[in-house]
Amino acid sequence: MFNWDYNLPKNWKPNTDEEWIWYIERIVNYGATKGEKLDKNIVKKYFPQLRLEKERKEYLKFLLYEK
């Protein structure tokens, strides 16, 4: 999905905790653009603070923590 509602600079990277949370939520909810990938350790770090739909968060938890 094309990130049409935000004009971020080409090489933008999250710097603060709030930016990371926003960025992860955005990719989980709307998909990555241009081959972006999330680092599993970063997602685990911010997982408790993510505001996601219950089912989506449960599935993400399964992917991150279940073996």
N, C-alpha and C. Protein backbone atom coordinates (compact mmCIF):
# COMPACT_ATOMS: atom_id res chain seq x y z
N MET A 1 0.84 -1.18 0.00
CA MET A 1 0.00 0.00 0.00
C MET A 1 0.88 1.23 0.00
N PHE A 2 0.52 2.20 -0.78
CA PHE A 2 1.26 3.45 -0.86
C PHE A 2 0.91 4.34 0.32
N ASN A 3 1.92 4.85 0.98
CA ASN A 3 1.75 5.72 2.14
C ASN A 3 1.37 7.12 1.65
N TRP A 4 0.12 7.32 1.34
CA TRP A 4 -0.32 8.52 0.66
C TRP A 4 -0.60 9.70 1.58
N ASP A 5 -0.82 9.48 2.86
CA ASP A 5 -1.23 10.59 3.71
C ASP A 5 -0.10 11.25 4.49
N TYR A 6 1.12 10.80 4.31
CA TYR A 6 2.26 11.43 4.96
C TYR A 6 3.38 11.59 3.95
N ASN A 7 3.95 12.77 3.88
CA ASN A 7 5.08 13.01 2.99
C ASN A 7 6.36 12.98 3.80
N LEU A 8 6.88 11.79 4.00
CA LEU A 8 8.11 11.63 4.77
C LEU A 8 9.31 11.73 3.84
N PRO A 9 10.42 12.26 4.33
CA PRO A 9 11.64 12.28 3.52
C PRO A 9 12.03 10.86 3.11
N LYS A 10 12.73 10.75 2.01
CA LYS A 10 13.06 9.44 1.44
C LYS A 10 13.80 8.52 2.42
N ASN A 11 14.74 9.03 3.17
CA ASN A 11 15.54 8.21 4.08
C ASN A 11 15.13 8.38 5.54
N TRP A 12 13.86 8.69 5.77
CA TRP A 12 13.37 8.92 7.13
C TRP A 12 13.45 7.64 7.96
N LYS A 13 13.90 7.78 9.19
CA LYS A 13 13.95 6.68 10.15
C LYS A 13 13.40 7.19 11.48
N PRO A 14 12.66 6.36 12.20
CA PRO A 14 12.15 6.77 13.52
C PRO A 14 13.31 7.00 14.50
N ASN A 15 13.18 8.03 15.31
CA ASN A 15 14.21 8.35 16.29
C ASN A 15 13.73 8.21 17.73
N THR A 16 12.51 8.61 17.99
CA THR A 16 11.98 8.58 19.36
C THR A 16 11.09 7.35 19.56
N ASP A 17 10.77 7.06 20.80
CA ASP A 17 9.87 5.94 21.09
C ASP A 17 8.51 6.15 20.42
N GLU A 18 8.00 7.38 20.48
CA GLU A 18 6.70 7.68 19.87
C GLU A 18 6.73 7.45 18.37
N GLU A 19 7.82 7.85 17.71
CA GLU A 19 7.94 7.64 16.27
C GLU A 19 8.01 6.15 15.93
N TRP A 20 8.72 5.38 16.74
CA TRP A 20 8.81 3.93 16.51
C TRP A 20 7.44 3.29 16.64
N ILE A 21 6.70 3.66 17.67
CA ILE A 21 5.37 3.09 17.88
C ILE A 21 4.47 3.43 16.71
N TRP A 22 4.47 4.68 16.28
CA TRP A 22 3.67 5.11 15.13
C TRP A 22 4.06 4.33 13.88
N TYR A 23 5.35 4.20 13.65
CA TYR A 23 5.87 3.54 12.46
C TYR A 23 5.48 2.06 12.43
N ILE A 24 5.64 1.37 13.55
CA ILE A 24 5.29 -0.05 13.62
C ILE A 24 3.79 -0.24 13.42
N GLU A 25 2.98 0.57 14.09
CA GLU A 25 1.53 0.47 13.94
C GLU A 25 1.12 0.70 12.50
N ARG A 26 1.77 1.65 11.86
CA ARG A 26 1.46 1.99 10.48
C ARG A 26 1.76 0.82 9.54
N ILE A 27 2.91 0.19 9.71
CA ILE A 27 3.27 -0.93 8.85
C ILE A 27 2.39 -2.14 9.12
N VAL A 28 2.09 -2.41 10.38
CA VAL A 28 1.23 -3.55 10.71
C VAL A 28 -0.18 -3.34 10.16
N ASN A 29 -0.71 -2.14 10.29
CA ASN A 29 -2.08 -1.88 9.85
C ASN A 29 -2.22 -1.68 8.35
N TYR A 30 -1.26 -1.05 7.70
CA TYR A 30 -1.44 -0.66 6.31
C TYR A 30 -0.43 -1.27 5.35
N GLY A 31 0.54 -2.01 5.87
CA GLY A 31 1.51 -2.65 5.00
C GLY A 31 2.73 -1.79 4.75
N ALA A 32 3.79 -2.46 4.34
CA ALA A 32 5.06 -1.78 4.07
C ALA A 32 5.08 -1.28 2.64
N THR A 33 5.85 -0.24 2.42
CA THR A 33 6.06 0.27 1.07
C THR A 33 7.53 0.14 0.72
N LYS A 34 7.80 -0.10 -0.51
CA LYS A 34 9.18 -0.14 -1.01
C LYS A 34 10.05 -1.14 -0.25
N GLY A 35 9.52 -2.28 0.09
CA GLY A 35 10.32 -3.34 0.70
C GLY A 35 10.75 -3.10 2.13
N GLU A 36 10.07 -2.23 2.85
CA GLU A 36 10.42 -2.00 4.26
C GLU A 36 10.21 -3.29 5.05
N LYS A 37 11.07 -3.50 6.02
CA LYS A 37 10.93 -4.65 6.91
C LYS A 37 11.11 -4.17 8.34
N LEU A 38 10.38 -4.81 9.23
CA LEU A 38 10.49 -4.48 10.65
C LEU A 38 11.45 -5.46 11.32
N ASP A 39 12.30 -4.93 12.17
CA ASP A 39 13.20 -5.76 12.95
C ASP A 39 12.41 -6.39 14.09
N LYS A 40 12.51 -7.70 14.22
CA LYS A 40 11.75 -8.43 15.23
C LYS A 40 12.04 -7.92 16.64
N ASN A 41 13.29 -7.61 16.93
CA ASN A 41 13.66 -7.13 18.27
C ASN A 41 13.04 -5.77 18.57
N ILE A 42 12.94 -4.91 17.58
CA ILE A 42 12.33 -3.59 17.79
C ILE A 42 10.83 -3.75 18.03
N VAL A 43 10.20 -4.62 17.25
CA VAL A 43 8.76 -4.84 17.44
C VAL A 43 8.51 -5.41 18.84
N LYS A 44 9.35 -6.35 19.28
CA LYS A 44 9.20 -6.90 20.63
C LYS A 44 9.36 -5.82 21.70
N LYS A 45 10.30 -4.92 21.49
CA LYS A 45 10.56 -3.85 22.45
C LYS A 45 9.32 -2.97 22.65
N TYR A 46 8.64 -2.65 21.56
CA TYR A 46 7.51 -1.73 21.63
C TYR A 46 6.15 -2.45 21.65
N PHE A 47 6.15 -3.76 21.62
CA PHE A 47 4.90 -4.52 21.54
C PHE A 47 3.87 -4.12 22.61
N PRO A 48 4.26 -4.00 23.89
CA PRO A 48 3.25 -3.66 24.91
C PRO A 48 2.57 -2.31 24.66
N GLN A 49 3.24 -1.39 23.99
CA GLN A 49 2.67 -0.06 23.78
C GLN A 49 1.89 0.08 22.47
N LEU A 50 1.91 -0.94 21.62
CA LEU A 50 1.23 -0.84 20.33
C LEU A 50 -0.27 -0.82 20.52
N ARG A 51 -0.92 0.08 19.79
CA ARG A 51 -2.38 0.19 19.80
C ARG A 51 -2.89 -0.45 18.51
N LEU A 52 -3.26 -1.73 18.62
CA LEU A 52 -3.73 -2.48 17.46
C LEU A 52 -5.04 -3.15 17.81
N GLU A 53 -5.78 -3.56 16.76
CA GLU A 53 -6.99 -4.34 17.00
C GLU A 53 -6.62 -5.61 17.74
N LYS A 54 -7.53 -6.08 18.57
CA LYS A 54 -7.26 -7.23 19.44
C LYS A 54 -6.76 -8.44 18.65
N GLU A 55 -7.46 -8.79 17.57
CA GLU A 55 -7.08 -9.97 16.78
C GLU A 55 -5.71 -9.79 16.13
N ARG A 56 -5.46 -8.61 15.65
CA ARG A 56 -4.18 -8.33 14.99
C ARG A 56 -3.03 -8.41 16.00
N LYS A 57 -3.27 -7.87 17.18
CA LYS A 57 -2.23 -7.90 18.21
C LYS A 57 -1.98 -9.34 18.69
N GLU A 58 -3.04 -10.12 18.82
CA GLU A 58 -2.87 -11.52 19.22
C GLU A 58 -2.08 -12.30 18.17
N TYR A 59 -2.36 -12.06 16.90
CA TYR A 59 -1.62 -12.74 15.83
C TYR A 59 -0.16 -12.31 15.83
N LEU A 60 0.09 -11.04 16.00
CA LEU A 60 1.46 -10.54 16.05
C LEU A 60 2.19 -11.14 17.25
N LYS A 61 1.51 -11.25 18.37
CA LYS A 61 2.11 -11.88 19.56
C LYS A 61 2.47 -13.33 19.26
N PHE A 62 1.58 -14.04 18.58
CA PHE A 62 1.86 -15.42 18.19
C PHE A 62 3.11 -15.49 17.31
N LEU A 63 3.22 -14.61 16.34
CA LEU A 63 4.38 -14.61 15.44
C LEU A 63 5.68 -14.28 16.17
N LEU A 64 5.59 -13.40 17.15
CA LEU A 64 6.80 -12.96 17.85
C LEU A 64 7.26 -13.92 18.93
N TYR A 65 6.33 -14.52 19.66
CA TYR A 65 6.70 -15.23 20.88
C TYR A 65 6.47 -16.74 20.85
N GLU A 66 5.56 -17.22 20.02
CA GLU A 66 5.28 -18.66 20.00
C GLU A 66 6.33 -19.39 19.17
N LYS A 67 6.57 -20.64 19.55
CA LYS A 67 7.56 -21.43 18.81
C LYS A 67 6.90 -22.60 18.13
